[in-house]
C-alpha atoms as a PDB file:
ATOM      1  CA  MET A   1      15.179  10.536  26.855  1.00  0.00           C
ATOM      2  CA  LYS A   2      18.443  11.731  25.293  1.00  0.00           C
ATOM      3  CA  TYR A   3      19.321  15.428  25.363  1.00  0.00           C
ATOM      4  CA  VAL A   4      21.814  17.434  23.345  1.00  0.00           C
ATOM      5  CA  ASP A   5      23.037  20.917  24.328  1.00  0.00           C
ATOM      6  CA  ILE A   6      23.511  23.542  21.618  1.00  0.00           C
ATOM      7  CA  GLU A   7      24.350  27.248  21.532  1.00  0.00           C
ATOM      8  CA  ALA A   8      22.400  29.647  19.313  1.00  0.00           C
ATOM      9  CA  ILE A   9      22.654  33.319  18.408  1.00  0.00           C
ATOM     10  CA  THR A  10      19.811  35.718  17.619  1.00  0.00           C
ATOM     11  CA  ARG A  11      19.895  36.310  13.880  1.00  0.00           C
ATOM     12  CA  GLU A  12      19.779  39.800  12.475  1.00  0.00           C
ATOM     13  CA  GLU A  13      20.564  38.760   8.910  1.00  0.00           C
ATOM     14  CA  LYS A  14      17.551  38.686   6.590  1.00  0.00           C
ATOM     15  CA  GLY A  15      17.281  38.564   2.844  1.00  0.00           C
ATOM     16  CA  LYS A  16      18.894  36.260   0.297  1.00  0.00           C
ATOM     17  CA  ASN A  17      22.245  38.044  -0.002  1.00  0.00           C
ATOM     18  CA  LYS A  18      22.774  38.444   3.756  1.00  0.00           C
ATOM     19  CA  ILE A  19      21.841  34.807   4.384  1.00  0.00           C
ATOM     20  CA  LYS A  20      24.292  33.704   1.706  1.00  0.00           C
ATOM     21  CA  LYS A  21      27.035  35.762   3.336  1.00  0.00           C
ATOM     22  CA  MET A  22      26.146  34.331   6.747  1.00  0.00           C
ATOM     23  CA  ARG A  23      26.483  30.763   5.421  1.00  0.00           C
ATOM     24  CA  ALA A  24      29.900  31.685   4.039  1.00  0.00           C
ATOM     25  CA  GLN A  25      30.851  32.541   7.633  1.00  0.00           C
ATOM     26  CA  ASN A  26      29.922  28.977   8.713  1.00  0.00           C
ATOM     27  CA  TYR A  27      26.517  29.735  10.208  1.00  0.00           C
ATOM     28  CA  ILE A  28      23.196  28.092   9.331  1.00  0.00           C
ATOM     29  CA  PRO A  29      19.863  29.968   9.675  1.00  0.00           C
ATOM     30  CA  ALA A  30      17.286  28.414  12.012  1.00  0.00           C
ATOM     31  CA  VAL A  31      13.846  29.152  13.463  1.00  0.00           C
ATOM     32  CA  LEU A  32      12.453  28.132  16.852  1.00  0.00           C
ATOM     33  CA  TYR A  33       8.655  27.662  16.654  1.00  0.00           C
ATOM     34  CA  GLY A  34       6.097  26.677  19.273  1.00  0.00           C
ATOM     35  CA  GLY A  35       6.212  29.618  21.663  1.00  0.00           C
ATOM     36  CA  GLU A  36       7.534  33.071  20.944  1.00  0.00           C
ATOM     37  CA  LEU A  37       9.077  32.910  17.492  1.00  0.00           C
ATOM     38  CA  LYS A  38      12.874  33.008  17.647  1.00  0.00           C
ATOM     39  CA  ILE A  39      14.945  33.796  14.546  1.00  0.00           C
ATOM     40  CA  ILE A  40      18.370  32.328  15.252  1.00  0.00           C
ATOM     41  CA  LYS A  41      21.525  30.982  13.667  1.00  0.00           C
ATOM     42  CA  LEU A  42      23.682  27.988  14.542  1.00  0.00           C
ATOM     43  CA  SER A  43      27.366  27.410  13.919  1.00  0.00           C
ATOM     44  CA  TYR A  44      28.390  24.407  11.808  1.00  0.00           C
ATOM     45  CA  LYS A  45      29.690  22.807  15.014  1.00  0.00           C
ATOM     46  CA  GLU A  46      26.229  22.959  16.633  1.00  0.00           C
ATOM     47  CA  VAL A  47      24.479  21.853  13.441  1.00  0.00           C
ATOM     48  CA  GLU A  48      26.768  18.833  13.261  1.00  0.00           C
ATOM     49  CA  LYS A  49      25.528  17.708  16.697  1.00  0.00           C
ATOM     50  CA  LEU A  50      21.945  17.721  15.432  1.00  0.00           C
ATOM     51  CA  TYR A  51      22.865  16.067  12.146  1.00  0.00           C
ATOM     52  CA  ASN A  52      24.691  13.193  13.860  1.00  0.00           C
ATOM     53  CA  MET A  53      21.624  12.430  15.981  1.00  0.00           C
ATOM     54  CA  ARG A  54      18.987  12.969  13.284  1.00  0.00           C
ATOM     55  CA  HIS A  55      17.959   9.279  13.291  1.00  0.00           C
ATOM     56  CA  ASP A  56      17.621   9.134  17.090  1.00  0.00           C
ATOM     57  CA  ASN A  57      14.805  10.327  19.293  1.00  0.00           C
ATOM     58  CA  PHE A  58      16.195  13.166  21.403  1.00  0.00           C
ATOM     59  CA  LEU A  59      15.386  16.557  22.888  1.00  0.00           C
ATOM     60  CA  ILE A  60      17.438  19.748  22.753  1.00  0.00           C
ATOM     61  CA  HIS A  61      18.601  22.133  25.455  1.00  0.00           C
ATOM     62  CA  ILE A  62      19.118  25.302  23.462  1.00  0.00           C
ATOM     63  CA  ASN A  63      20.866  28.351  24.947  1.00  0.00           C
ATOM     64  CA  ILE A  64      20.158  31.525  22.954  1.00  0.00           C
ATOM     65  CA  ASP A  65      22.725  34.305  23.343  1.00  0.00           C
ATOM     66  CA  LYS A  66      24.000  32.516  26.471  1.00  0.00           C
ATOM     67  CA  LYS A  67      21.043  33.768  28.513  1.00  0.00           C
ATOM     68  CA  ASP A  68      17.753  32.446  27.125  1.00  0.00           C
ATOM     69  CA  LYS A  69      17.437  28.689  27.693  1.00  0.00           C
ATOM     70  CA  LYS A  70      14.758  26.676  25.946  1.00  0.00           C
ATOM     71  CA  ASP A  71      13.815  23.015  25.544  1.00  0.00           C
ATOM     72  CA  ALA A  72      13.014  21.964  21.991  1.00  0.00           C
ATOM     73  CA  PHE A  73      13.038  19.114  19.494  1.00  0.00           C
ATOM     74  CA  LEU A  74      14.264  18.919  15.931  1.00  0.00           C
ATOM     75  CA  LYS A  75      11.462  19.430  13.430  1.00  0.00           C
ATOM     76  CA  ALA A  76      13.311  19.400  10.117  1.00  0.00           C
ATOM     77  CA  ILE A  77      16.666  19.748   8.399  1.00  0.00           C
ATOM     78  CA  GLN A  78      16.552  21.340   4.948  1.00  0.00           C
ATOM     79  CA  TYR A  79      19.158  20.524   2.314  1.00  0.00           C
ATOM     80  CA  ASP A  80      20.319  22.208  -0.869  1.00  0.00           C
ATOM     81  CA  PRO A  81      18.870  20.122  -3.757  1.00  0.00           C
ATOM     82  CA  VAL A  82      22.109  20.411  -5.757  1.00  0.00           C
ATOM     83  CA  THR A  83      24.945  20.299  -3.213  1.00  0.00           C
ATOM     84  CA  ASN A  84      23.001  18.415  -0.478  1.00  0.00           C
ATOM     85  CA  LYS A  85      24.468  20.781   2.112  1.00  0.00           C
ATOM     86  CA  ILE A  86      22.381  21.807   5.124  1.00  0.00           C
ATOM     87  CA  ILE A  87      20.783  25.218   4.501  1.00  0.00           C
ATOM     88  CA  HIS A  88      18.165  25.578   7.269  1.00  0.00           C
ATOM     89  CA  ILE A  89      17.060  24.094  10.616  1.00  0.00           C
ATOM     90  CA  ASP A  90      13.524  24.063  12.097  1.00  0.00           C
ATOM     91  CA  LEU A  91      13.062  23.563  15.859  1.00  0.00           C
ATOM     92  CA  ILE A  92       9.914  23.292  18.008  1.00  0.00           C
ATOM     93  CA  GLU A  93       9.954  24.711  21.536  1.00  0.00           C
ATOM     94  CA  LEU A  94       8.588  22.551  24.335  1.00  0.00           C
ATOM     95  CA  ILE A  95       6.320  24.504  26.669  1.00  0.00           C
ATOM     96  CA  ALA A  96       5.058  23.047  29.946  1.00  0.00           C
ATOM     97  CA  GLY A  97       1.312  22.390  29.799  1.00  0.00           C
ATOM     98  CA  LYS A  98       1.151  22.663  25.993  1.00  0.00           C
ATOM     99  CA  THR A  99       0.865  19.508  23.895  1.00  0.00           C
ATOM    100  CA  VAL A 100       3.165  18.904  20.932  1.00  0.00           C
ATOM    101  CA  HIS A 101       2.991  16.734  17.838  1.00  0.00           C
ATOM    102  CA  ILE A 102       6.061  14.564  17.534  1.00  0.00           C
ATOM    103  CA  LYS A 103       7.252  11.397  15.790  1.00  0.00           C
ATOM    104  CA  ILE A 104       8.457   8.557  18.003  1.00  0.00           C
ATOM    105  CA  PRO A 105      10.482   5.547  16.733  1.00  0.00           C
ATOM    106  CA  ILE A 106       8.796   2.123  16.811  1.00  0.00           C
ATOM    107  CA  GLU A 107      11.116  -0.576  18.173  1.00  0.00           C
ATOM    108  CA  LEU A 108      10.359  -4.218  17.319  1.00  0.00           C
ATOM    109  CA  THR A 109      11.689  -6.928  19.616  1.00  0.00           C
ATOM    110  CA  GLY A 110      11.937 -10.695  19.202  1.00  0.00           C
ATOM    111  CA  SER A 111      12.323 -13.044  16.223  1.00  0.00           C
ATOM    112  CA  PRO A 112       8.963 -13.984  14.608  1.00  0.00           C
ATOM    113  CA  GLU A 113       7.996 -17.664  14.535  1.00  0.00           C
ATOM    114  CA  GLY A 114       6.811 -17.162  10.971  1.00  0.00           C
ATOM    115  CA  VAL A 115      10.333 -16.209   9.855  1.00  0.00           C
ATOM    116  CA  LYS A 116      11.683 -19.485  11.302  1.00  0.00           C
ATOM    117  CA  MET A 117       9.115 -21.282   9.117  1.00  0.00           C
ATOM    118  CA  GLY A 118      10.344 -19.532   5.978  1.00  0.00           C
ATOM    119  CA  GLY A 119       8.322 -16.315   6.072  1.00  0.00           C
ATOM    120  CA  VAL A 120       9.753 -12.866   5.452  1.00  0.00           C
ATOM    121  CA  VAL A 121       9.293  -9.622   7.408  1.00  0.00           C
ATOM    122  CA  GLU A 122       7.629  -6.817   5.449  1.00  0.00           C
ATOM    123  CA  HIS A 123       8.137  -3.552   7.366  1.00  0.00           C
ATOM    124  CA  PHE A 124       5.983  -0.561   6.424  1.00  0.00           C
ATOM    125  CA  MET A 125       6.099   1.881   9.341  1.00  0.00           C
ATOM    126  CA  TRP A 126       9.055   2.934  11.492  1.00  0.00           C
ATOM    127  CA  GLU A 127       7.674   5.962  13.400  1.00  0.00           C
ATOM    128  CA  LEU A 128       4.470   6.776  15.249  1.00  0.00           C
ATOM    129  CA  ASN A 129       2.879  10.234  15.175  1.00  0.00           C
ATOM    130  CA  ILE A 130       1.690  11.217  18.643  1.00  0.00           C
ATOM    131  CA  GLU A 131       0.419  14.205  20.608  1.00  0.00           C
ATOM    132  CA  CYS A 132       1.285  14.691  24.265  1.00  0.00           C
ATOM    133  CA  LEU A 133       2.720  17.052  26.856  1.00  0.00           C
ATOM    134  CA  PRO A 134       6.503  17.515  26.868  1.00  0.00           C
ATOM    135  CA  LYS A 135       6.800  15.572  30.148  1.00  0.00           C
ATOM    136  CA  ASP A 136       5.047  12.540  28.570  1.00  0.00           C
ATOM    137  CA  ILE A 137       7.191  12.244  25.437  1.00  0.00           C
ATOM    138  CA  PRO A 138       8.462   8.640  25.278  1.00  0.00           C
ATOM    139  CA  GLU A 139      11.887   7.760  23.916  1.00  0.00           C
ATOM    140  CA  LEU A 140      10.369   5.034  21.731  1.00  0.00           C
ATOM    141  CA  ILE A 141       7.379   2.700  21.355  1.00  0.00           C
ATOM    142  CA  THR A 142       8.212  -0.999  21.806  1.00  0.00           C
ATOM    143  CA  THR A 143       6.246  -4.044  20.613  1.00  0.00           C
ATOM    144  CA  ASP A 144       7.092  -7.755  20.673  1.00  0.00           C
ATOM    145  CA  ILE A 145       6.734  -9.684  17.393  1.00  0.00           C
ATOM    146  CA  THR A 146       7.969 -13.104  18.609  1.00  0.00           C
ATOM    147  CA  ASN A 147       4.611 -14.907  18.218  1.00  0.00           C
ATOM    148  CA  LEU A 148       3.818 -13.670  14.705  1.00  0.00           C
ATOM    149  CA  GLN A 149       3.106 -16.461  12.214  1.00  0.00           C
ATOM    150  CA  ILE A 150       3.086 -16.310   8.402  1.00  0.00           C
ATOM    151  CA  GLY A 151       0.176 -14.061   7.425  1.00  0.00           C
ATOM    152  CA  ASP A 152       0.076 -12.231  10.773  1.00  0.00           C
ATOM    153  CA  SER A 153       0.402  -8.440  11.032  1.00  0.00           C
ATOM    154  CA  ILE A 154       0.953  -5.731  13.619  1.00  0.00           C
ATOM    155  CA  HIS A 155      -1.299  -2.669  13.329  1.00  0.00           C
ATOM    156  CA  VAL A 156      -1.160   0.686  15.082  1.00  0.00           C
ATOM    157  CA  SER A 157      -4.102  -0.448  17.215  1.00  0.00           C
ATOM    158  CA  ASP A 158      -1.976  -3.344  18.555  1.00  0.00           C
ATOM    159  CA  LEU A 159       0.606  -1.033  20.163  1.00  0.00           C
ATOM    160  CA  GLN A 160       0.651  -0.553  23.915  1.00  0.00           C
ATOM    161  CA  ILE A 161       0.408   3.213  24.465  1.00  0.00           C
ATOM    162  CA  ARG A 162       0.638   4.661  27.941  1.00  0.00           C
ATOM    163  CA  GLU A 163      -1.828   7.140  29.364  1.00  0.00           C
ATOM    164  CA  GLY A 164      -1.374  10.764  28.355  1.00  0.00           C
ATOM    165  CA  ILE A 165      -0.380   9.991  24.758  1.00  0.00           C
ATOM    166  CA  ARG A 166      -2.766  10.369  21.819  1.00  0.00           C
ATOM    167  CA  VAL A 167      -1.885   8.470  18.641  1.00  0.00           C
ATOM    168  CA  LEU A 168      -2.449  10.486  15.446  1.00  0.00           C
ATOM    169  CA  ASP A 169      -2.006   7.635  12.945  1.00  0.00           C
ATOM    170  CA  LYS A 170      -4.963   5.493  11.801  1.00  0.00           C
ATOM    171  CA  PRO A 171      -5.592   2.425  14.019  1.00  0.00           C
ATOM    172  CA  ASP A 172      -5.744   0.034  11.025  1.00  0.00           C
ATOM    173  CA  GLN A 173      -2.435   1.192   9.557  1.00  0.00           C
ATOM    174  CA  VAL A 174      -0.073  -1.772   9.112  1.00  0.00           C
ATOM    175  CA  ILE A 175       3.303  -1.541  10.826  1.00  0.00           C
ATOM    176  CA  LEU A 176       4.651  -4.958   9.896  1.00  0.00           C
ATOM    177  CA  THR A 177       3.480  -8.245   8.400  1.00  0.00           C
ATOM    178  CA  ILE A 178       5.004 -11.707   7.968  1.00  0.00           C
ATOM    179  CA  GLY A 179       4.644 -12.643   4.321  1.00  0.00           C
ATOM    180  CA  LEU A 180       5.424 -15.652   2.154  1.00  0.00           C
ATOM    181  CA  PRO A 181       8.874 -16.000   0.563  1.00  0.00           C
ATOM    182  CA  ALA A 182       9.212 -14.491  -2.903  1.00  0.00           C
ATOM    183  CA  GLY A 183       7.826 -16.780  -5.612  1.00  0.00           C
ATOM    184  CA  VAL A 184       5.735 -19.033  -3.335  1.00  0.00           C
ATOM    185  CA  GLY A 185       2.519 -17.171  -3.872  1.00  0.00           C
ATOM    186  CA  ALA A 186       3.266 -16.850  -7.599  1.00  0.00           C
ATOM    187  CA  GLU A 187       3.682 -20.636  -8.000  1.00  0.00           C
ATOM    188  CA  GLU A 188       0.361 -21.313  -6.278  1.00  0.00           C
ATOM    189  CA  GLU A 189      -1.336 -18.684  -8.395  1.00  0.00           C
ATOM    190  CA  GLU A 190       0.093 -20.195 -11.605  1.00  0.00           C
ATOM    191  CA  ALA A 191      -1.104 -23.663 -10.550  1.00  0.00           C
ATOM    192  CA  ALA A 192      -4.585 -22.307  -9.834  1.00  0.00           C
ATOM    193  CA  GLU A 193      -4.687 -20.522 -13.200  1.00  0.00           C
ATOM    194  CA  ALA A 194      -3.555 -23.721 -14.972  1.00  0.00           C
ATOM    195  CA  ALA A 195      -6.302 -25.717 -13.243  1.00  0.00           C
ATOM    196  CA  GLU A 196      -8.893 -23.118 -14.210  1.00  0.00           C
ATOM    197  CA  GLY A 197      -7.618 -23.275 -17.783  1.00  0.00           C
ATOM    198  CA  GLU A 198      -8.025 -27.050 -17.901  1.00  0.00           C
ATOM    199  CA  VAL A 199     -11.578 -26.829 -16.551  1.00  0.00           C
ATOM    200  CA  ALA A 200     -12.458 -24.126 -19.056  1.00  0.00           C
ATOM    201  CA  GLU A 201     -10.942 -26.160 -21.896  1.00  0.00           C
ATOM    202  CA  GLY A 202     -12.900 -29.267 -20.835  1.00  0.00           C
ATOM    203  CA  GLU A 203     -16.122 -27.272 -20.691  1.00  0.00           C
ATOM    204  CA  ALA A 204     -15.411 -25.868 -24.150  1.00  0.00           C
ATOM    205  CA  VAL A 205     -14.846 -29.372 -25.595  1.00  0.00           C
ATOM    206  CA  GLU A 206     -18.051 -30.652 -24.004  1.00  0.00           C
ATOM    207  CA  GLY A 207     -19.912 -27.647 -25.326  1.00  0.00           C
ATOM    208  CA  GLU A 208     -18.622 -28.225 -28.863  1.00  0.00           C
ATOM    209  CA  ALA A 209     -19.574 -31.905 -28.674  1.00  0.00           C
ATOM    210  CA  ALA A 210     -23.062 -31.064 -27.488  1.00  0.00           C
ATOM    211  CA  GLU A 211     -23.458 -28.481 -30.252  1.00  0.00           C
ATOM    212  CA  GLY A 212     -22.332 -31.111 -32.775  1.00  0.00           C
ATOM    213  CA  GLU A 213     -24.897 -33.608 -31.528  1.00  0.00           C
ATOM    214  CA  VAL A 214     -27.663 -31.003 -31.734  1.00  0.00           C
ATOM    215  CA  ALA A 215     -26.643 -30.025 -35.260  1.00  0.00           C
ATOM    216  CA  GLU A 216     -26.504 -33.684 -36.331  1.00  0.00           C
ATOM    217  CA  GLY A 217     -29.967 -34.276 -34.865  1.00  0.00           C
ATOM    218  CA  GLU A 218     -31.361 -31.307 -36.729  1.00  0.00           C
ATOM    219  CA  GLU A 219     -29.826 -32.535 -40.014  1.00  0.00           C
ATOM    220  CA  LYS A 220     -31.396 -35.974 -39.531  1.00  0.00           C
ATOM    221  CA  LYS A 221     -34.731 -34.379 -38.747  1.00  0.00           C
ATOM    222  CA  LYS A 222     -34.593 -32.256 -41.904  1.00  0.00           C
ATOM    223  CA  GLY A 223     -33.641 -35.290 -43.970  1.00  0.00           C
ATOM    224  CA  LYS A 224     -36.558 -37.283 -42.590  1.00  0.00           C
ATOM    225  CA  GLU A 225     -38.960 -34.438 -43.293  1.00  0.00           C
ATOM    226  CA  LYS A 226     -37.776 -34.309 -46.927  1.00  0.00           C
ATOM    227  CA  THR A 227     -38.239 -38.078 -47.292  1.00  0.00           C
ATOM    228  CA  ASP A 228     -41.729 -37.977 -45.770  1.00  0.00           C
ATOM    229  CA  GLY A 229     -42.693 -35.143 -48.080  1.00  0.00           C
ATOM    230  CA  LYS A 230     -41.540 -37.052 -51.159  1.00  0.00           C
ATOM    231  CA  GLU A 231     -43.542 -40.145 -50.182  1.00  0.00           C
ATOM    232  CA  LYS A 232     -46.626 -38.064 -49.635  1.00  0.00           C
ATOM    233  CA  LYS A 233     -46.267 -36.529 -53.097  1.00  0.00           C
ATOM    234  CA  GLU A 234     -45.936 -39.960 -54.668  1.00  0.00           C
ATOM    235  CA  GLU A 235     -49.025 -41.244 -52.853  1.00  0.00           C
ATOM    236  CA  VAL A 236     -51.051 -38.328 -54.196  1.00  0.00           C
ATOM    237  CA  LYS A 237     -49.941 -38.884 -57.820  1.00  0.00           C
ATOM    238  CA  ALA A 238     -50.657 -42.625 -57.884  1.00  0.00           C
ATOM    239  CA  PRO A 239     -54.443 -42.413 -57.683  1.00  0.00           C
ATOM    240  CA  GLY A 240     -54.439 -39.853 -60.499  1.00  0.00           C
ATOM    241  CA  LYS A 241     -52.822 -42.246 -62.912  1.00  0.00           C
ATOM    242  CA  GLY A 242     -55.291 -44.989 -61.989  1.00  0.00           C
ATOM    243  CA  GLU A 243     -58.283 -42.787 -62.480  1.00  0.00           C
ATOM    244  CA  GLY A 244     -57.086 -41.842 -65.977  1.00  0.00           C
ATOM    245  CA  LYS A 245     -56.814 -45.493 -66.962  1.00  0.00           C
ATOM    246  CA  ASP A 246     -60.331 -46.289 -65.680  1.00  0.00           C
ATOM    247  CA  LYS A 247     -61.747 -43.508 -67.754  1.00  0.00           C
ATOM    248  CA  ARG A 248     -60.045 -44.843 -70.903  1.00  0.00           C
ATOM    249  CA  ASP A 249     -61.341 -48.345 -70.232  1.00  0.00           C
ATOM    250  CA  LYS A 250     -64.882 -47.083 -69.901  1.00  0.00           C
ATOM    251  CA  LYS A 251     -64.563 -45.209 -73.203  1.00  0.00           C
ATOM    252  CA  ASP A 252     -63.322 -48.287 -75.064  1.00  0.00           C
ATOM    253  CA  LYS A 253     -66.246 -50.375 -73.795  1.00  0.00           C
ATOM    254  CA  LYS A 254     -68.622 -47.851 -75.204  1.00  0.00           C
END
């Protein structure tokens, strides 16, 4: 584990105006949490040490007033939203026998087989949240991704964590996956949609044809019923005319 040594001074300045004046004298306000609260200030020279290592995993040997030595780690650096200058530092003291929550970098080793086959690495998580004693803090968490194929993923649950460390992140959280190159999935999806469209269109045509046949059958049926009805009417009228003639013939004979 890397260490950086810094000097700090107990801070008496409090209040907006006094803090502003202190910054003008090239000091940055800071607070050391974790044990007994320490209100301190750091010179720009000491702050620069922390800033230059902000992306690394390291611990701090802090010497307050040249007599009170503490071990700590960097919790946060606060910046002015307008000027982007550093305006405050938060530190957490490491106390023997007391667990701490800390973020540890995740280091990936190897070149995935899936990338050699045209896949692309999609990286979602770079740090792991853990809880452990100060003596068990690892410098980083390493995992090998050489055997990953296209579609494979690494989850938090796949990491090898040594005894004494409790992982605070969810086990199913994805750290990295090997995906398809851009556009490949889209082309397959478009082809599938086109095929579905053709099937739907064919079904629609068949449905229209079937409806047409049914309608034609109904029209023929109606036409036949009209014809049958007309014939029946004619058959009924015919005997009537004959009967009238017979009656006239009988009358003439008389």
